Amino acid sequence: MIKDEKIWIANTQSGENVFIQPKMANRHGLIAGATGTGKTVTLKVLCESFSDMGVPVFIADVKGDVSGLLQTGSSSPDMDSRIKKFGLDDAGFSFCSYPVALWDLTGKKGIKLRTTVSEMGPLLLSRIMKLNELQSDLLTICFQIADDNDLLMVDTKDLKAVLNYMNENSKD
């Protein structure tokens, strides 16, 4: 939540507000803690606040914990007591939704996330495929041959074609 041009992220045990200066928000950060300590809520507050400031937010939400930002929240007795407890009602809190685009590798639950084999590169592809050192080295050579010949490897069929080329011309 934005208050006095700062991002209000928490309260201390004594009730004092804790803020982040937006101009300092590009520094590295870590949200850590045990289960139930407010990590997800803190992350949601940061996402909402940046969105309120007009700053685009990209977040990897593997468990789907923050996807609820796309829906307007609703009042409940528990929610109302928390809003009052933390003084959010006095700060102008209101329920609202935020612009959210969900990306999905399969395209079943969001925008299909796509990339090419060439863009992945040999290091990432080796890790994904759990290749051993020799296999990784051969994949690196494969990418070098593709680059030297201006071959774009879009998908695994293209990768297979370059590997077959390497096999057929291994004596050269």
C-alpha atoms as a PDB file:
ATOM      1  CA  MET A   1       0.000   0.000   0.000  1.00  0.00           C
ATOM      2  CA  ILE A   2       1.291   3.454  -0.859  1.00  0.00           C
ATOM      3  CA  LYS A   3       1.450   5.941   2.017  1.00  0.00           C
ATOM      4  CA  ASP A   4       3.302   9.248   1.882  1.00  0.00           C
ATOM      5  CA  GLU A   5       4.881   8.162  -1.440  1.00  0.00           C
ATOM      6  CA  LYS A   6       6.443   5.109   0.240  1.00  0.00           C
ATOM      7  CA  ILE A   7       5.480   1.439   0.089  1.00  0.00           C
ATOM      8  CA  TRP A   8       3.974   0.385   3.401  1.00  0.00           C
ATOM      9  CA  ILE A   9       4.914  -3.280   3.828  1.00  0.00           C
ATOM     10  CA  ALA A  10       4.446  -4.080   7.525  1.00  0.00           C
ATOM     11  CA  ASN A  11       4.070  -2.895  11.086  1.00  0.00           C
ATOM     12  CA  THR A  12       6.501  -3.485  13.923  1.00  0.00           C
ATOM     13  CA  GLN A  13       5.338  -5.246  17.093  1.00  0.00           C
ATOM     14  CA  SER A  14       4.943  -1.819  18.678  1.00  0.00           C
ATOM     15  CA  GLY A  15       2.658  -0.737  15.822  1.00  0.00           C
ATOM     16  CA  GLU A  16       5.056   1.479  13.876  1.00  0.00           C
ATOM     17  CA  ASN A  17       4.763   1.393  10.091  1.00  0.00           C
ATOM     18  CA  VAL A  18       7.582  -0.178   8.058  1.00  0.00           C
ATOM     19  CA  PHE A  19       8.199   1.271   4.582  1.00  0.00           C
ATOM     20  CA  ILE A  20      10.338   0.761   1.499  1.00  0.00           C
ATOM     21  CA  GLN A  21      11.399   3.811  -0.471  1.00  0.00           C
ATOM     22  CA  PRO A  22      10.362   3.163  -4.120  1.00  0.00           C
ATOM     23  CA  LYS A  23      13.667   4.572  -5.400  1.00  0.00           C
ATOM     24  CA  MET A  24      15.487   1.903  -3.365  1.00  0.00           C
ATOM     25  CA  ALA A  25      13.280  -0.986  -4.494  1.00  0.00           C
ATOM     26  CA  ASN A  26      15.606  -1.968  -7.340  1.00  0.00           C
ATOM     27  CA  ARG A  27      18.095  -3.366  -4.827  1.00  0.00           C
ATOM     28  CA  HIS A  28      18.308  -7.090  -4.204  1.00  0.00           C
ATOM     29  CA  GLY A  29      15.866  -8.424  -1.660  1.00  0.00           C
ATOM     30  CA  LEU A  30      14.920 -11.626   0.062  1.00  0.00           C
ATOM     31  CA  ILE A  31      11.629 -12.529   1.680  1.00  0.00           C
ATOM     32  CA  ALA A  32      12.220 -15.438   4.044  1.00  0.00           C
ATOM     33  CA  GLY A  33      10.599 -16.960   7.085  1.00  0.00           C
ATOM     34  CA  ALA A  34       8.786 -19.939   8.516  1.00  0.00           C
ATOM     35  CA  THR A  35       5.329 -21.050   7.411  1.00  0.00           C
ATOM     36  CA  GLY A  36       2.674 -18.520   8.372  1.00  0.00           C
ATOM     37  CA  THR A  37       5.008 -15.570   8.942  1.00  0.00           C
ATOM     38  CA  GLY A  38       3.618 -13.412   6.122  1.00  0.00           C
ATOM     39  CA  LYS A  39       5.992 -14.024   3.201  1.00  0.00           C
ATOM     40  CA  THR A  40       3.196 -14.351   0.635  1.00  0.00           C
ATOM     41  CA  VAL A  41       1.274 -11.396   2.049  1.00  0.00           C
ATOM     42  CA  THR A  42       4.439  -9.270   1.893  1.00  0.00           C
ATOM     43  CA  LEU A  43       4.983 -10.294  -1.721  1.00  0.00           C
ATOM     44  CA  LYS A  44       1.366  -9.470  -2.583  1.00  0.00           C
ATOM     45  CA  VAL A  45       1.672  -6.050  -0.931  1.00  0.00           C
ATOM     46  CA  LEU A  46       4.806  -5.326  -2.965  1.00  0.00           C
ATOM     47  CA  CYS A  47       3.109  -6.420  -6.208  1.00  0.00           C
ATOM     48  CA  GLU A  48       0.006  -4.338  -5.469  1.00  0.00           C
ATOM     49  CA  SER A  49       2.040  -1.289  -4.488  1.00  0.00           C
ATOM     50  CA  PHE A  50       4.255  -1.393  -7.563  1.00  0.00           C
ATOM     51  CA  SER A  51       1.170  -1.820  -9.738  1.00  0.00           C
ATOM     52  CA  ASP A  52      -0.473   1.165  -8.007  1.00  0.00           C
ATOM     53  CA  MET A  53       2.670   3.175  -8.865  1.00  0.00           C
ATOM     54  CA  GLY A  54       2.423   2.086 -12.523  1.00  0.00           C
ATOM     55  CA  VAL A  55       5.476  -0.189 -12.318  1.00  0.00           C
ATOM     56  CA  PRO A  56       5.080  -3.493 -14.215  1.00  0.00           C
ATOM     57  CA  VAL A  57       5.672  -6.570 -12.059  1.00  0.00           C
ATOM     58  CA  PHE A  58       6.880  -9.982 -13.219  1.00  0.00           C
ATOM     59  CA  ILE A  59       6.683 -12.766 -10.664  1.00  0.00           C
ATOM     60  CA  ALA A  60       7.144 -16.519 -10.890  1.00  0.00           C
ATOM     61  CA  ASP A  61       4.126 -17.864  -9.016  1.00  0.00           C
ATOM     62  CA  VAL A  62       4.689 -21.616  -9.162  1.00  0.00           C
ATOM     63  CA  LYS A  63       2.161 -22.457  -6.438  1.00  0.00           C
ATOM     64  CA  GLY A  64      -0.460 -19.923  -7.580  1.00  0.00           C
ATOM     65  CA  ASP A  65      -0.364 -18.003  -4.293  1.00  0.00           C
ATOM     66  CA  VAL A  66      -0.569 -14.537  -5.838  1.00  0.00           C
ATOM     67  CA  SER A  67      -2.822 -15.253  -8.819  1.00  0.00           C
ATOM     68  CA  GLY A  68      -5.736 -14.018  -6.681  1.00  0.00           C
ATOM     69  CA  LEU A  69      -4.590 -10.453  -7.378  1.00  0.00           C
ATOM     70  CA  LEU A  70      -6.652 -10.589 -10.569  1.00  0.00           C
ATOM     71  CA  GLN A  71      -9.901 -10.685  -8.550  1.00  0.00           C
ATOM     72  CA  THR A  72     -11.330  -7.953  -6.361  1.00  0.00           C
ATOM     73  CA  GLY A  73     -11.146  -8.986  -2.713  1.00  0.00           C
ATOM     74  CA  SER A  74     -14.231  -9.123  -0.535  1.00  0.00           C
ATOM     75  CA  SER A  75     -15.068  -8.233   3.021  1.00  0.00           C
ATOM     76  CA  SER A  76     -15.365 -10.861   5.740  1.00  0.00           C
ATOM     77  CA  PRO A  77     -15.364 -10.613   9.546  1.00  0.00           C
ATOM     78  CA  ASP A  78     -11.771 -11.913   9.700  1.00  0.00           C
ATOM     79  CA  MET A  79     -10.627  -9.553   6.944  1.00  0.00           C
ATOM     80  CA  ASP A  80     -12.400  -6.579   8.524  1.00  0.00           C
ATOM     81  CA  SER A  81     -10.697  -7.221  11.883  1.00  0.00           C
ATOM     82  CA  ARG A  82      -7.255  -7.426  10.227  1.00  0.00           C
ATOM     83  CA  ILE A  83      -7.891  -4.209   8.275  1.00  0.00           C
ATOM     84  CA  LYS A  84      -8.806  -2.468  11.528  1.00  0.00           C
ATOM     85  CA  LYS A  85      -5.959  -4.097  13.524  1.00  0.00           C
ATOM     86  CA  PHE A  86      -3.290  -2.831  11.126  1.00  0.00           C
ATOM     87  CA  GLY A  87      -4.863   0.599  10.619  1.00  0.00           C
ATOM     88  CA  LEU A  88      -5.489   0.041   6.938  1.00  0.00           C
ATOM     89  CA  ASP A  89      -8.976   1.547   7.127  1.00  0.00           C
ATOM     90  CA  ASP A  90      -7.484   4.885   8.225  1.00  0.00           C
ATOM     91  CA  ALA A  91      -4.925   4.690   5.397  1.00  0.00           C
ATOM     92  CA  GLY A  92      -7.608   4.458   2.707  1.00  0.00           C
ATOM     93  CA  PHE A  93      -7.598   0.710   2.042  1.00  0.00           C
ATOM     94  CA  SER A  94     -10.098  -0.543  -0.509  1.00  0.00           C
ATOM     95  CA  PHE A  95     -10.606  -3.887  -2.205  1.00  0.00           C
ATOM     96  CA  CYS A  96      -9.548  -3.886  -5.856  1.00  0.00           C
ATOM     97  CA  SER A  97      -8.173  -6.135  -8.568  1.00  0.00           C
ATOM     98  CA  TYR A  98      -4.901  -5.804 -10.446  1.00  0.00           C
ATOM     99  CA  PRO A  99      -3.883  -6.454 -14.059  1.00  0.00           C
ATOM    100  CA  VAL A 100      -2.592 -10.025 -14.216  1.00  0.00           C
ATOM    101  CA  ALA A 101      -1.418 -12.136 -17.154  1.00  0.00           C
ATOM    102  CA  LEU A 102      -0.829 -15.782 -16.315  1.00  0.00           C
ATOM    103  CA  TRP A 103       1.775 -17.627 -18.393  1.00  0.00           C
ATOM    104  CA  ASP A 104       1.841 -21.393 -18.614  1.00  0.00           C
ATOM    105  CA  LEU A 105       4.251 -23.813 -20.291  1.00  0.00           C
ATOM    106  CA  THR A 106       1.361 -25.890 -21.663  1.00  0.00           C
ATOM    107  CA  GLY A 107      -1.027 -23.043 -22.444  1.00  0.00           C
ATOM    108  CA  LYS A 108      -3.855 -24.786 -20.569  1.00  0.00           C
ATOM    109  CA  LYS A 109      -4.192 -22.303 -17.695  1.00  0.00           C
ATOM    110  CA  GLY A 110      -2.703 -19.170 -19.202  1.00  0.00           C
ATOM    111  CA  ILE A 111      -0.780 -17.648 -22.079  1.00  0.00           C
ATOM    112  CA  LYS A 112       1.459 -20.300 -23.581  1.00  0.00           C
ATOM    113  CA  LEU A 113       5.074 -19.585 -22.729  1.00  0.00           C
ATOM    114  CA  ARG A 114       7.284 -20.215 -25.730  1.00  0.00           C
ATOM    115  CA  THR A 115      10.963 -20.127 -26.525  1.00  0.00           C
ATOM    116  CA  THR A 116      13.291 -21.642 -29.089  1.00  0.00           C
ATOM    117  CA  VAL A 117      15.985 -24.239 -28.523  1.00  0.00           C
ATOM    118  CA  SER A 118      18.543 -21.680 -29.758  1.00  0.00           C
ATOM    119  CA  GLU A 119      17.406 -19.119 -27.173  1.00  0.00           C
ATOM    120  CA  MET A 120      17.715 -21.678 -24.371  1.00  0.00           C
ATOM    121  CA  GLY A 121      21.359 -22.307 -25.194  1.00  0.00           C
ATOM    122  CA  PRO A 122      23.465 -25.372 -24.447  1.00  0.00           C
ATOM    123  CA  LEU A 123      23.962 -24.714 -20.721  1.00  0.00           C
ATOM    124  CA  LEU A 124      20.276 -24.387 -19.803  1.00  0.00           C
ATOM    125  CA  LEU A 125      19.255 -27.204 -22.138  1.00  0.00           C
ATOM    126  CA  SER A 126      21.940 -29.456 -20.620  1.00  0.00           C
ATOM    127  CA  ARG A 127      20.582 -28.769 -17.152  1.00  0.00           C
ATOM    128  CA  ILE A 128      16.971 -29.345 -18.191  1.00  0.00           C
ATOM    129  CA  MET A 129      17.904 -32.625 -19.887  1.00  0.00           C
ATOM    130  CA  LYS A 130      20.193 -33.611 -16.970  1.00  0.00           C
ATOM    131  CA  LEU A 131      23.068 -34.366 -19.350  1.00  0.00           C
ATOM    132  CA  ASN A 132      26.429 -35.624 -18.161  1.00  0.00           C
ATOM    133  CA  GLU A 133      29.626 -33.667 -18.897  1.00  0.00           C
ATOM    134  CA  LEU A 134      30.358 -35.427 -22.217  1.00  0.00           C
ATOM    135  CA  GLN A 135      26.782 -34.977 -23.433  1.00  0.00           C
ATOM    136  CA  SER A 136      26.866 -31.298 -22.425  1.00  0.00           C
ATOM    137  CA  ASP A 137      30.128 -30.783 -24.316  1.00  0.00           C
ATOM    138  CA  LEU A 138      28.637 -32.393 -27.438  1.00  0.00           C
ATOM    139  CA  LEU A 139      25.546 -30.211 -27.122  1.00  0.00           C
ATOM    140  CA  THR A 140      27.791 -27.126 -26.880  1.00  0.00           C
ATOM    141  CA  ILE A 141      29.543 -28.201 -30.104  1.00  0.00           C
ATOM    142  CA  CYS A 142      26.121 -28.732 -31.698  1.00  0.00           C
ATOM    143  CA  PHE A 143      25.130 -25.161 -30.842  1.00  0.00           C
ATOM    144  CA  GLN A 144      28.462 -23.851 -32.170  1.00  0.00           C
ATOM    145  CA  ILE A 145      27.931 -25.660 -35.496  1.00  0.00           C
ATOM    146  CA  ALA A 146      24.394 -24.260 -35.717  1.00  0.00           C
ATOM    147  CA  ASP A 147      25.687 -20.734 -34.979  1.00  0.00           C
ATOM    148  CA  ASP A 148      28.552 -21.041 -37.495  1.00  0.00           C
ATOM    149  CA  ASN A 149      26.060 -22.026 -40.195  1.00  0.00           C
ATOM    150  CA  ASP A 150      23.381 -19.474 -39.214  1.00  0.00           C
ATOM    151  CA  LEU A 151      20.939 -22.262 -38.339  1.00  0.00           C
ATOM    152  CA  LEU A 152      18.159 -21.317 -35.958  1.00  0.00           C
ATOM    153  CA  MET A 153      17.117 -24.283 -33.849  1.00  0.00           C
ATOM    154  CA  VAL A 154      13.472 -23.548 -33.163  1.00  0.00           C
ATOM    155  CA  ASP A 155      12.424 -26.875 -31.699  1.00  0.00           C
ATOM    156  CA  THR A 156      13.749 -30.330 -30.876  1.00  0.00           C
ATOM    157  CA  LYS A 157      13.321 -31.436 -34.502  1.00  0.00           C
ATOM    158  CA  ASP A 158      15.854 -28.796 -35.529  1.00  0.00           C
ATOM    159  CA  LEU A 159      18.191 -29.861 -32.720  1.00  0.00           C
ATOM    160  CA  LYS A 160      17.900 -33.475 -33.851  1.00  0.00           C
ATOM    161  CA  ALA A 161      18.689 -32.454 -37.446  1.00  0.00           C
ATOM    162  CA  VAL A 162      21.906 -30.703 -36.365  1.00  0.00           C
ATOM    163  CA  LEU A 163      22.867 -33.688 -34.191  1.00  0.00           C
ATOM    164  CA  ASN A 164      22.283 -35.996 -37.183  1.00  0.00           C
ATOM    165  CA  TYR A 165      24.443 -33.679 -39.322  1.00  0.00           C
ATOM    166  CA  MET A 166      27.196 -33.938 -36.688  1.00  0.00           C
ATOM    167  CA  ASN A 167      26.923 -37.730 -36.694  1.00  0.00           C
ATOM    168  CA  GLU A 168      27.028 -37.972 -40.497  1.00  0.00           C
ATOM    169  CA  ASN A 169      30.014 -35.610 -40.742  1.00  0.00           C
ATOM    170  CA  SER A 170      31.925 -36.653 -37.629  1.00  0.00           C
ATOM    171  CA  LYS A 171      35.047 -37.601 -39.619  1.00  0.00           C
ATOM    172  CA  ASP A 172      35.293 -34.096 -41.103  1.00  0.00           C
END
